[in-house]
Amino acid sequence: MSGDDILETRRDRWGRYLVVPPGGGKPVGYTRATTIAKTLDDMSALMSWGERMTAIGLSQRPDLLAQVDDLRNDSKKLNKLCDKAKEAGGATVRRDLGTALHSILERAWTDPDYVPPAGHVDDVTAVDRQLELAGLEPVDGMHERIVVNDDYKVAGTFDLLLRDRATGELLIADIKTGSSVQYGSVGFAIQLAIYATASSLYRQGAAADGSEDVRDPMIDVAKDRAVIVHVQPGSGVCELHELQLDVELLALSMAVREARKSKLLRPYEMPAGVTNADRDRWIRERISAVRDANAQMLAQRWPAHILPPKKQPVYDNRQIDELVPIVDGLERDLELSFGASDPSVAVHVAPEPAPVPAEKWFPDEGSMLPGEADELRVRFEKLAPKHKKWIGSLVQEANAAGLPIRVNGHPTARRVHIASTLIYAVEFRLSETDLRKLVALVLDDDSVLMATLPLGAALGTCSATQAAQLRELAGMGITVTSGGNNE
């Protein structure tokens, strides 16, 4: 058994391998090779299979089916319920058998006294026979070895290394136990190309800080081909496949992953309308009076596609026409004076005010997420007092700006995502400057970095969608520099 099996592989919260960089330092997350391999895969067949297993599982577990209606608005709990249904439908049986067969084959190759379980003796025999006929033999000590690719920050564990007895060439090999390997060649080629082009072999030590981790020189293996060992558990049948490796597929896969992180979609910039300085000043004075009376009600009814006064230098006539009925309704509900008439009423007739409901959730708050809010409270209670106090001060800053972010009593998606962002900021030790830069990145507005704008108020300007993006970045521990994003 290899040294990599003595200890459980250390991973971060996203399942990435924790690897000490070549130059030393704290361990960082290296994406799993299998994750990269799936980037270009056609997952439609697998998804359809998963849906079938879920349907079968629900038919066999009426207790799970009964919970669906109650959980339809809680995606997190609904996902867990679907996982249970898939398991009930038999989705995990083949996977578990495949994992067991991997272990059985490794023990058979490393322990001469090992006797495989009766149900898998024929499987082991079939694999050994096919390797013998192909002139291939497993290399001692090269089973289940971790390798790292520092260029792409990717890591993985190859199943075994084979030696071609005729040429002495070393080939990376992977054991596949699914029903078919027909549709997985692209993913296999990327996965094994990562192994074949790895920077080094890697051994994780017992120390959690990586101080006992060891890098070994990568073995010289074939870069253009590898071997797929296909054996279904309990079948007693093994097929060998030569796999052509293509490093360009690996590069393409990484490029696609980077493209998915890019901000390719953004609101369309509408051409500026005709402006009128007197009307702009007039609507701003009315908005200011409403804000002084009830800032929260103003925020709830403010249209998401129009910037607030502090961020909009001048409102054009089209924007003002849209704001007028909203402000009219607020003034009516708050019993405020309507003030002066429209300065351009003689030449510009505003549309008739539309009735505005007195009670209406601000649409940009997103849906209610009480379940996630409860989980956030548990995480919040585990924070140090100084961190709780810091978060409390930001909540006060947001309230003072009329853009509340407090979750208690109002667990909307926007507020839950902002609260989770702050807890991630504590966990990843993000500074206020780091957090301001992330907000600026999400809002695509560098003015958020102005020292005069409190950080709590800056967070409060985020919409539900922007807050979700902010949470994702903070949850990855990302910081922003002038050169781009760094993990």
Protein backbone atom coordinates (compact mmCIF):
# COMPACT_ATOMS: atom_id res chain seq x y z
CA MET A 1 0.00 0.00 0.00
CA SER A 2 1.37 3.43 -0.92
CA GLY A 3 2.25 6.15 1.55
CA ASP A 4 -0.59 8.26 0.25
CA ASP A 5 -3.09 5.79 1.70
CA ILE A 6 -1.79 5.88 5.27
CA LEU A 7 -3.44 9.24 5.95
CA GLU A 8 -6.71 10.58 4.69
CA THR A 9 -6.19 13.12 1.93
CA ARG A 10 -6.41 16.68 3.26
CA ARG A 11 -8.84 18.87 1.36
CA ASP A 12 -10.43 22.30 1.77
CA ARG A 13 -14.16 22.96 2.13
CA TRP A 14 -14.64 22.68 -1.65
CA GLY A 15 -12.94 19.28 -1.85
CA ARG A 16 -9.74 20.67 -3.37
CA TYR A 17 -6.40 19.10 -2.47
CA LEU A 18 -4.44 21.18 0.07
CA VAL A 19 -0.95 21.61 -1.41
CA VAL A 20 2.04 23.61 -0.21
CA PRO A 21 3.22 25.80 -3.14
CA PRO A 22 6.66 25.06 -4.65
CA GLY A 23 8.16 28.07 -2.87
CA GLY A 24 6.70 27.10 0.50
CA GLY A 25 4.06 28.76 2.63
CA LYS A 26 0.57 27.80 3.75
CA PRO A 27 -1.26 25.02 1.87
CA VAL A 28 -3.57 26.28 -0.88
CA GLY A 29 -6.45 24.60 -2.68
CA TYR A 30 -5.52 22.74 -5.88
CA THR A 31 -8.56 21.85 -8.02
CA ARG A 32 -9.17 18.12 -8.45
CA ALA A 33 -8.13 16.62 -11.77
CA THR A 34 -11.51 14.90 -12.07
CA THR A 35 -13.22 18.30 -11.79
CA ILE A 36 -11.14 19.70 -14.67
CA ALA A 37 -11.78 16.55 -16.69
CA LYS A 38 -15.55 17.10 -16.57
CA THR A 39 -15.36 20.63 -17.98
CA LEU A 40 -15.73 19.56 -21.63
CA ASP A 41 -17.81 16.43 -21.00
CA ASP A 42 -21.32 16.05 -22.37
CA MET A 43 -23.16 15.46 -19.10
CA SER A 44 -26.62 15.00 -20.63
CA ALA A 45 -26.61 11.20 -20.39
CA LEU A 46 -25.38 11.27 -16.79
CA MET A 47 -27.96 13.89 -15.83
CA SER A 48 -30.76 11.87 -17.41
CA TRP A 49 -29.58 8.79 -15.54
CA GLY A 50 -29.56 10.77 -12.28
CA GLU A 51 -33.09 11.99 -12.91
CA ARG A 52 -34.24 8.43 -13.50
CA MET A 53 -32.62 7.26 -10.26
CA THR A 54 -34.31 10.13 -8.39
CA ALA A 55 -37.72 9.21 -9.83
CA ILE A 56 -37.24 5.54 -8.91
CA GLY A 57 -36.10 6.48 -5.42
CA LEU A 58 -39.12 8.72 -4.81
CA SER A 59 -41.44 5.94 -5.95
CA GLN A 60 -39.83 3.60 -3.41
CA ARG A 61 -39.66 6.16 -0.59
CA PRO A 62 -43.09 7.80 -0.12
CA ASP A 63 -41.73 9.53 2.99
CA LEU A 64 -39.30 11.47 0.77
CA LEU A 65 -41.95 12.26 -1.82
CA ALA A 66 -44.19 13.70 0.92
CA GLN A 67 -41.50 16.24 1.83
CA VAL A 68 -41.11 17.67 -1.67
CA ASP A 69 -43.99 20.14 -1.46
CA ASP A 70 -42.82 21.54 1.90
CA LEU A 71 -39.27 22.02 0.63
CA ARG A 72 -40.00 23.39 -2.87
CA ASN A 73 -38.77 26.87 -1.81
CA ASP A 74 -35.66 25.64 0.02
CA SER A 75 -33.23 24.57 -2.70
CA LYS A 76 -30.53 23.44 -0.29
CA LYS A 77 -32.77 21.03 1.62
CA LEU A 78 -34.47 19.94 -1.60
CA ASN A 79 -31.07 19.01 -3.07
CA LYS A 80 -30.33 16.86 -0.01
CA LEU A 81 -33.71 15.18 -0.36
CA CYS A 82 -32.97 14.41 -4.04
CA ASP A 83 -29.62 12.90 -3.03
CA LYS A 84 -31.44 10.58 -0.64
CA ALA A 85 -33.92 9.66 -3.38
CA LYS A 86 -31.08 8.85 -5.82
CA GLU A 87 -29.49 6.62 -3.20
CA ALA A 88 -32.81 4.87 -2.63
CA GLY A 89 -33.09 4.40 -6.40
CA GLY A 90 -29.71 2.65 -6.49
CA ALA A 91 -27.52 5.49 -7.77
CA THR A 92 -24.72 4.85 -5.28
CA VAL A 93 -24.57 1.06 -5.50
CA ARG A 94 -22.36 0.87 -8.61
CA ARG A 95 -20.18 3.72 -7.34
CA ASP A 96 -19.62 1.94 -4.01
CA LEU A 97 -18.85 -1.35 -5.75
CA GLY A 98 -16.39 0.44 -8.03
CA THR A 99 -14.62 2.04 -5.06
CA ALA A 100 -14.38 -1.36 -3.38
CA LEU A 101 -12.96 -2.97 -6.53
CA HIS A 102 -10.29 -0.25 -6.79
CA SER A 103 -9.15 -1.12 -3.27
CA ILE A 104 -9.27 -4.87 -3.95
CA LEU A 105 -7.10 -4.56 -7.08
CA GLU A 106 -4.56 -2.39 -5.28
CA ARG A 107 -4.24 -4.86 -2.41
CA ALA A 108 -3.92 -7.75 -4.87
CA TRP A 109 -0.98 -5.97 -6.56
CA THR A 110 0.77 -4.90 -3.35
CA ASP A 111 0.18 -7.81 -0.96
CA PRO A 112 1.19 -11.27 -2.25
CA ASP A 113 -0.71 -12.95 0.60
CA TYR A 114 -3.98 -11.12 -0.03
CA VAL A 115 -7.00 -13.21 -1.03
CA PRO A 116 -9.73 -11.17 -2.81
CA PRO A 117 -13.38 -11.59 -1.74
CA ALA A 118 -15.08 -14.47 -3.53
CA GLY A 119 -17.34 -12.17 -5.54
CA HIS A 120 -14.34 -10.36 -7.07
CA VAL A 121 -11.76 -13.11 -7.58
CA ASP A 122 -12.75 -13.36 -11.25
CA ASP A 123 -12.43 -9.58 -11.64
CA VAL A 124 -8.87 -9.57 -10.31
CA THR A 125 -7.98 -12.59 -12.43
CA ALA A 126 -9.42 -10.97 -15.58
CA VAL A 127 -7.44 -7.75 -15.04
CA ASP A 128 -4.18 -9.61 -14.41
CA ARG A 129 -4.72 -11.80 -17.48
CA GLN A 130 -5.35 -8.83 -19.79
CA LEU A 131 -2.30 -6.96 -18.51
CA GLU A 132 -0.17 -10.08 -19.02
CA LEU A 133 -1.42 -10.54 -22.58
CA ALA A 134 -0.70 -6.88 -23.35
CA GLY A 135 2.83 -7.14 -21.97
CA LEU A 136 2.11 -4.67 -19.19
CA GLU A 137 2.94 -4.93 -15.48
CA PRO A 138 2.14 -2.68 -12.48
CA VAL A 139 5.08 -0.73 -11.08
CA ASP A 140 5.71 -1.36 -7.39
CA GLY A 141 4.95 1.57 -5.12
CA MET A 142 3.10 3.45 -7.86
CA HIS A 143 -0.51 2.87 -6.87
CA GLU A 144 -2.87 5.65 -5.78
CA ARG A 145 -0.16 8.33 -5.91
CA ILE A 146 -0.97 12.02 -5.64
CA VAL A 147 0.49 14.28 -8.33
CA VAL A 148 0.32 18.07 -8.63
CA ASN A 149 0.38 20.39 -11.62
CA ASP A 150 1.66 23.72 -10.28
CA ASP A 151 1.12 25.60 -13.56
CA TYR A 152 -2.64 25.08 -13.38
CA LYS A 153 -2.89 24.51 -9.60
CA VAL A 154 -4.47 21.10 -10.19
CA ALA A 155 -3.91 17.88 -8.25
CA GLY A 156 -5.13 14.33 -8.54
CA THR A 157 -4.44 10.70 -7.67
CA PHE A 158 -3.63 8.22 -10.43
CA ASP A 159 -4.67 4.59 -9.94
CA LEU A 160 -1.49 2.87 -11.08
CA LEU A 161 1.58 3.05 -13.24
CA LEU A 162 2.24 0.34 -15.84
CA ARG A 163 5.52 -0.69 -17.46
CA ASP A 164 5.60 -1.93 -21.04
CA ARG A 165 7.87 -4.97 -20.71
CA ALA A 166 8.91 -4.79 -24.36
CA THR A 167 10.02 -1.15 -24.40
CA GLY A 168 10.36 -0.23 -20.72
CA GLU A 169 8.02 2.74 -21.31
CA LEU A 170 5.98 3.84 -18.29
CA LEU A 171 2.27 4.50 -18.81
CA ILE A 172 -0.25 6.20 -16.54
CA ALA A 173 -3.29 3.93 -16.09
CA ASP A 174 -6.76 4.49 -14.70
CA ILE A 175 -9.32 1.91 -13.61
CA LYS A 176 -12.89 2.54 -14.79
CA THR A 177 -15.72 0.45 -13.32
CA GLY A 178 -18.79 1.99 -14.99
CA SER A 179 -21.05 0.18 -17.38
CA SER A 180 -19.39 1.83 -20.39
CA VAL A 181 -16.36 3.93 -21.30
CA GLN A 182 -17.72 4.76 -24.74
CA TYR A 183 -18.69 8.38 -24.04
CA GLY A 184 -15.98 9.44 -21.62
CA SER A 185 -12.85 9.56 -23.77
CA VAL A 186 -12.51 13.38 -23.75
CA GLY A 187 -12.73 13.58 -19.97
CA PHE A 188 -10.39 10.60 -19.58
CA ALA A 189 -7.84 12.21 -21.92
CA ILE A 190 -7.86 15.44 -19.90
CA GLN A 191 -7.70 13.66 -16.54
CA LEU A 192 -4.75 11.43 -17.47
CA ALA A 193 -2.97 14.28 -19.29
CA ILE A 194 -2.95 16.12 -15.95
CA TYR A 195 -1.30 13.12 -14.33
CA ALA A 196 1.21 12.59 -17.15
CA THR A 197 2.32 16.26 -17.24
CA ALA A 198 2.39 16.74 -13.46
CA SER A 199 5.09 18.86 -11.88
CA SER A 200 5.83 16.39 -9.10
CA LEU A 201 4.65 13.48 -7.01
CA TYR A 202 3.25 14.69 -3.70
CA ARG A 203 2.93 13.14 -0.25
CA GLN A 204 0.82 14.76 2.44
CA GLY A 205 2.26 14.44 5.92
CA ALA A 206 0.42 14.31 9.22
CA ALA A 207 0.80 18.03 10.01
CA ALA A 208 -2.28 20.06 9.10
CA ASP A 209 -0.13 23.05 8.14
CA GLY A 210 1.63 21.04 5.43
CA SER A 211 5.03 21.29 7.13
CA GLU A 212 5.53 17.52 6.77
CA ASP A 213 4.41 17.33 3.14
CA VAL A 214 6.98 16.03 0.66
CA ARG A 215 7.46 16.64 -3.06
CA ASP A 216 9.16 13.89 -5.09
CA PRO A 217 10.41 14.29 -8.67
CA MET A 218 7.83 13.32 -11.25
CA ILE A 219 8.57 10.05 -13.02
CA ASP A 220 9.24 10.18 -16.74
CA VAL A 221 6.01 8.75 -18.19
CA ALA A 222 4.54 8.75 -21.68
CA LYS A 223 2.94 12.10 -22.51
CA ASP A 224 1.08 10.99 -25.62
CA ARG A 225 -0.75 7.88 -24.46
CA ALA A 226 -2.13 6.13 -21.38
CA VAL A 227 -4.17 3.03 -20.50
CA ILE A 228 -7.79 2.65 -19.40
CA VAL A 229 -8.50 -0.58 -17.50
CA HIS A 230 -12.25 -1.21 -17.77
CA VAL A 231 -13.71 -3.84 -15.46
CA GLN A 232 -17.26 -3.96 -14.12
CA PRO A 233 -17.54 -5.26 -10.54
CA GLY A 234 -18.59 -8.89 -10.45
CA SER A 235 -18.38 -9.35 -14.22
CA GLY A 236 -15.10 -11.26 -14.44
CA VAL A 237 -14.44 -9.38 -17.69
CA CYS A 238 -11.70 -6.82 -18.32
CA GLU A 239 -10.99 -4.69 -21.39
CA LEU A 240 -7.88 -2.58 -21.96
CA HIS A 241 -8.04 0.64 -23.99
CA GLU A 242 -5.15 2.74 -25.23
CA LEU A 243 -6.00 6.39 -24.59
CA GLN A 244 -4.47 9.13 -26.73
CA LEU A 245 -3.49 12.10 -24.55
CA ASP A 246 -3.80 15.66 -25.79
CA VAL A 247 -2.39 18.50 -23.67
CA GLU A 248 -4.28 20.97 -25.87
CA LEU A 249 -7.54 19.55 -24.51
CA LEU A 250 -6.25 20.25 -21.02
CA ALA A 251 -5.38 23.85 -21.97
CA LEU A 252 -8.81 24.26 -23.57
CA SER A 253 -10.53 22.93 -20.46
CA MET A 254 -8.68 25.44 -18.26
CA ALA A 255 -9.51 28.26 -20.69
CA VAL A 256 -13.21 27.35 -20.55
CA ARG A 257 -13.13 27.41 -16.74
CA GLU A 258 -11.56 30.88 -16.79
CA ALA A 259 -14.14 32.08 -19.30
CA ARG A 260 -16.94 30.97 -16.98
CA LYS A 261 -15.52 33.28 -14.32
CA SER A 262 -15.46 36.24 -16.69
CA LYS A 263 -18.06 38.97 -16.56
CA LEU A 264 -19.39 38.36 -20.06
CA LEU A 265 -22.95 39.49 -19.34
CA ARG A 266 -23.80 42.92 -18.00
CA PRO A 267 -26.79 45.29 -18.17
CA TYR A 268 -27.12 46.96 -21.54
CA GLU A 269 -26.06 50.61 -21.42
CA MET A 270 -29.01 52.60 -22.67
CA PRO A 271 -28.27 55.85 -24.52
CA ALA A 272 -28.63 58.91 -22.33
CA GLY A 273 -31.93 60.77 -22.60
CA VAL A 274 -32.57 64.51 -22.62
CA THR A 275 -31.65 66.15 -19.32
CA ASN A 276 -33.17 69.12 -17.58
CA ALA A 277 -31.23 70.61 -14.67
CA ASP A 278 -34.35 72.09 -13.05
CA ARG A 279 -36.25 68.78 -13.17
CA ASP A 280 -33.20 66.88 -11.88
CA ARG A 281 -32.90 69.24 -8.90
CA TRP A 282 -36.69 69.08 -8.31
CA ILE A 283 -36.89 65.25 -8.18
CA ARG A 284 -33.79 65.01 -5.99
CA GLU A 285 -35.31 67.38 -3.41
CA ARG A 286 -38.46 65.27 -3.29
CA ILE A 287 -36.44 62.05 -2.98
CA SER A 288 -34.41 63.58 -0.15
CA ALA A 289 -37.58 64.50 1.75
CA VAL A 290 -38.92 60.95 1.37
CA ARG A 291 -35.61 59.46 2.53
CA ASP A 292 -35.63 61.63 5.65
CA ALA A 293 -39.14 60.42 6.46
CA ASN A 294 -38.67 56.70 5.78
CA ALA A 295 -35.48 55.53 4.05
CA GLN A 296 -36.44 51.86 4.20
CA MET A 297 -39.73 52.37 2.36
CA LEU A 298 -37.89 54.35 -0.30
CA ALA A 299 -35.34 51.54 -0.73
CA GLN A 300 -38.09 48.92 -1.04
CA ARG A 301 -39.83 50.74 -3.88
CA TRP A 302 -36.74 52.05 -5.70
CA PRO A 303 -36.44 50.54 -9.22
CA ALA A 304 -33.42 48.25 -9.48
CA HIS A 305 -32.29 49.56 -12.87
CA ILE A 306 -32.02 53.20 -11.74
CA LEU A 307 -29.07 54.25 -9.58
CA PRO A 308 -29.74 56.11 -6.32
CA PRO A 309 -29.04 59.88 -6.25
CA LYS A 310 -25.58 59.54 -4.71
CA LYS A 311 -24.44 57.35 -7.60
CA GLN A 312 -26.30 59.05 -10.48
CA PRO A 313 -24.78 62.43 -11.48
CA VAL A 314 -27.84 63.56 -13.47
CA TYR A 315 -31.25 61.98 -14.04
CA ASP A 316 -32.58 62.34 -17.57
CA ASN A 317 -36.24 63.02 -18.36
CA ARG A 318 -37.08 59.35 -18.97
CA GLN A 319 -35.71 58.33 -15.59
CA ILE A 320 -37.51 61.21 -13.89
CA ASP A 321 -40.78 60.23 -15.57
CA GLU A 322 -40.38 56.76 -14.08
CA LEU A 323 -39.47 58.08 -10.62
CA VAL A 324 -42.30 60.63 -10.39
CA PRO A 325 -45.19 58.16 -9.80
CA ILE A 326 -43.07 56.26 -7.26
CA VAL A 327 -42.24 59.42 -5.33
CA ASP A 328 -45.89 60.57 -5.62
CA GLY A 329 -47.02 57.30 -4.03
CA LEU A 330 -44.45 57.55 -1.23
CA GLU A 331 -45.40 61.14 -0.46
CA ARG A 332 -49.05 60.11 -0.34
CA ASP A 333 -48.44 57.12 1.93
CA LEU A 334 -46.14 59.10 4.24
CA GLU A 335 -48.47 62.12 4.19
CA LEU A 336 -45.72 64.44 2.96
CA SER A 337 -46.15 67.69 1.15
CA PHE A 338 -45.99 67.33 -2.62
CA GLY A 339 -43.86 70.49 -2.84
CA ALA A 340 -43.32 72.49 -6.03
CA SER A 341 -44.83 71.49 -9.35
CA ASP A 342 -42.84 69.89 -12.16
CA PRO A 343 -40.59 72.69 -13.56
CA SER A 344 -41.20 71.54 -17.13
CA VAL A 345 -44.88 70.79 -16.81
CA ALA A 346 -45.65 73.33 -19.54
CA VAL A 347 -43.49 71.57 -22.10
CA HIS A 348 -43.15 68.08 -20.64
CA VAL A 349 -46.19 66.18 -19.52
CA ALA A 350 -45.35 63.34 -17.14
CA PRO A 351 -47.42 60.17 -17.37
CA GLU A 352 -50.35 59.73 -15.03
CA PRO A 353 -49.12 58.31 -11.67
CA ALA A 354 -49.74 54.60 -11.41
CA PRO A 355 -51.19 53.30 -8.15
CA VAL A 356 -48.43 51.95 -5.92
CA PRO A 357 -49.26 49.35 -3.25
CA ALA A 358 -48.64 50.64 0.23
CA GLU A 359 -46.93 47.42 1.24
CA LYS A 360 -44.52 45.88 -1.22
CA TRP A 361 -41.22 44.08 -0.83
CA PHE A 362 -38.36 45.70 -2.64
CA PRO A 363 -38.02 43.37 -5.68
CA ASP A 364 -34.24 43.43 -5.51
CA GLU A 365 -34.29 41.85 -2.04
CA GLY A 366 -34.79 38.45 -3.71
CA SER A 367 -36.66 35.52 -2.21
CA MET A 368 -36.93 34.69 1.49
CA LEU A 369 -34.28 32.27 2.81
CA PRO A 370 -35.20 31.50 6.43
CA GLY A 371 -33.36 28.19 6.44
CA GLU A 372 -30.03 29.72 5.42
CA ALA A 373 -30.60 32.57 7.89
CA ASP A 374 -30.84 30.02 10.71
CA GLU A 375 -27.54 28.45 9.64
CA LEU A 376 -25.93 31.89 9.53
CA ARG A 377 -26.98 32.57 13.12
CA VAL A 378 -25.21 29.39 14.23
CA ARG A 379 -22.04 30.43 12.36
CA PHE A 380 -22.30 33.97 13.77
CA GLU A 381 -22.50 32.72 17.36
CA LYS A 382 -19.18 30.89 16.86
CA LEU A 383 -17.35 34.12 15.99
CA ALA A 384 -15.11 35.96 18.42
CA PRO A 385 -16.68 38.95 20.22
CA LYS A 386 -14.54 41.42 18.30
CA HIS A 387 -15.76 40.00 14.98
CA LYS A 388 -19.39 40.13 16.12
CA LYS A 389 -18.86 43.77 17.11
CA TRP A 390 -17.32 44.54 13.69
CA ILE A 391 -20.26 43.02 11.83
CA GLY A 392 -22.66 44.89 14.11
CA SER A 393 -20.99 48.20 13.25
CA LEU A 394 -21.41 47.52 9.52
CA VAL A 395 -25.11 46.75 10.06
CA GLN A 396 -25.48 50.12 11.82
CA GLU A 397 -23.71 51.92 8.96
CA ALA A 398 -26.09 50.32 6.45
CA ASN A 399 -29.13 51.28 8.54
CA ALA A 400 -27.90 54.86 8.81
CA ALA A 401 -27.66 55.01 5.02
CA GLY A 402 -31.21 53.73 4.61
CA LEU A 403 -30.05 50.44 3.08
CA PRO A 404 -30.53 47.86 5.86
CA ILE A 405 -28.72 44.55 5.76
CA ARG A 406 -29.90 43.10 9.07
CA VAL A 407 -31.10 39.50 8.58
CA ASN A 408 -33.16 39.10 11.76
CA GLY A 409 -36.87 39.32 10.96
CA HIS A 410 -36.22 39.88 7.27
CA PRO A 411 -34.17 36.94 5.85
CA THR A 412 -34.24 37.89 2.16
CA ALA A 413 -31.70 36.52 -0.31
CA ARG A 414 -29.93 39.90 -0.49
CA ARG A 415 -29.44 40.17 3.26
CA VAL A 416 -28.55 36.51 3.75
CA HIS A 417 -25.87 36.71 1.03
CA ILE A 418 -24.40 39.91 2.55
CA ALA A 419 -24.36 38.38 6.03
CA SER A 420 -22.67 35.24 4.71
CA THR A 421 -20.11 37.46 2.93
CA LEU A 422 -19.19 39.12 6.22
CA ILE A 423 -18.75 35.77 7.98
CA TYR A 424 -16.56 34.54 5.10
CA ALA A 425 -14.55 37.77 5.41
CA VAL A 426 -13.84 36.88 9.04
CA GLU A 427 -13.02 33.25 8.25
CA PHE A 428 -10.64 34.13 5.40
CA ARG A 429 -9.25 37.19 7.21
CA LEU A 430 -10.23 39.59 4.48
CA SER A 431 -9.44 43.19 5.39
CA GLU A 432 -11.96 45.99 4.98
CA THR A 433 -9.95 47.13 1.97
CA ASP A 434 -10.24 43.63 0.45
CA LEU A 435 -13.98 43.66 1.09
CA ARG A 436 -14.39 47.13 -0.45
CA LYS A 437 -12.57 45.98 -3.58
CA LEU A 438 -14.82 42.94 -3.89
CA VAL A 439 -17.90 45.18 -3.59
CA ALA A 440 -16.44 47.50 -6.22
CA LEU A 441 -15.82 44.52 -8.52
CA VAL A 442 -19.38 43.21 -8.12
CA LEU A 443 -20.95 46.65 -8.61
CA ASP A 444 -18.49 47.55 -11.37
CA ASP A 445 -18.13 50.91 -9.61
CA ASP A 446 -14.79 52.07 -8.19
CA SER A 447 -16.51 54.94 -6.34
CA VAL A 448 -17.39 52.42 -3.63
CA LEU A 449 -13.76 52.65 -2.57
CA MET A 450 -14.13 56.29 -1.57
CA ALA A 451 -13.19 56.71 2.06
CA THR A 452 -16.25 58.88 2.66
CA LEU A 453 -18.64 55.99 1.94
CA PRO A 454 -19.01 53.70 4.99
CA LEU A 455 -18.35 50.04 4.22
CA GLY A 456 -21.76 49.03 5.60
CA ALA A 457 -23.48 51.46 3.24
CA ALA A 458 -21.45 50.14 0.30
CA LEU A 459 -22.58 46.60 1.09
CA GLY A 460 -26.16 47.84 1.37
CA THR A 461 -26.16 49.08 -2.21
CA CYS A 462 -25.82 45.51 -3.54
CA SER A 463 -28.84 43.92 -5.16
CA ALA A 464 -29.80 40.31 -4.42
CA THR A 465 -27.93 39.13 -7.53
CA GLN A 466 -24.87 41.24 -6.76
CA ALA A 467 -24.89 40.09 -3.14
CA ALA A 468 -24.90 36.46 -4.33
CA GLN A 469 -21.85 37.18 -6.53
CA LEU A 470 -20.14 38.90 -3.60
CA ARG A 471 -20.83 35.88 -1.38
CA GLU A 472 -19.33 33.53 -3.98
CA LEU A 473 -16.13 35.57 -4.26
CA ALA A 474 -15.74 35.98 -0.49
CA GLY A 475 -16.47 32.28 0.00
CA MET A 476 -13.50 31.48 -2.25
CA GLY A 477 -11.25 33.74 -0.20
CA ILE A 478 -10.60 35.86 -3.29
CA THR A 479 -8.82 39.20 -3.01
CA VAL A 480 -8.60 41.82 -5.73
CA THR A 481 -5.44 43.57 -6.86
CA SER A 482 -4.81 46.01 -9.66
CA GLY A 483 -3.73 43.07 -11.78
CA GLY A 484 -6.88 40.96 -11.31
CA ASN A 485 -8.20 38.28 -8.97
CA ASN A 486 -5.96 36.15 -6.80
CA GLU A 487 -6.94 33.17 -4.73
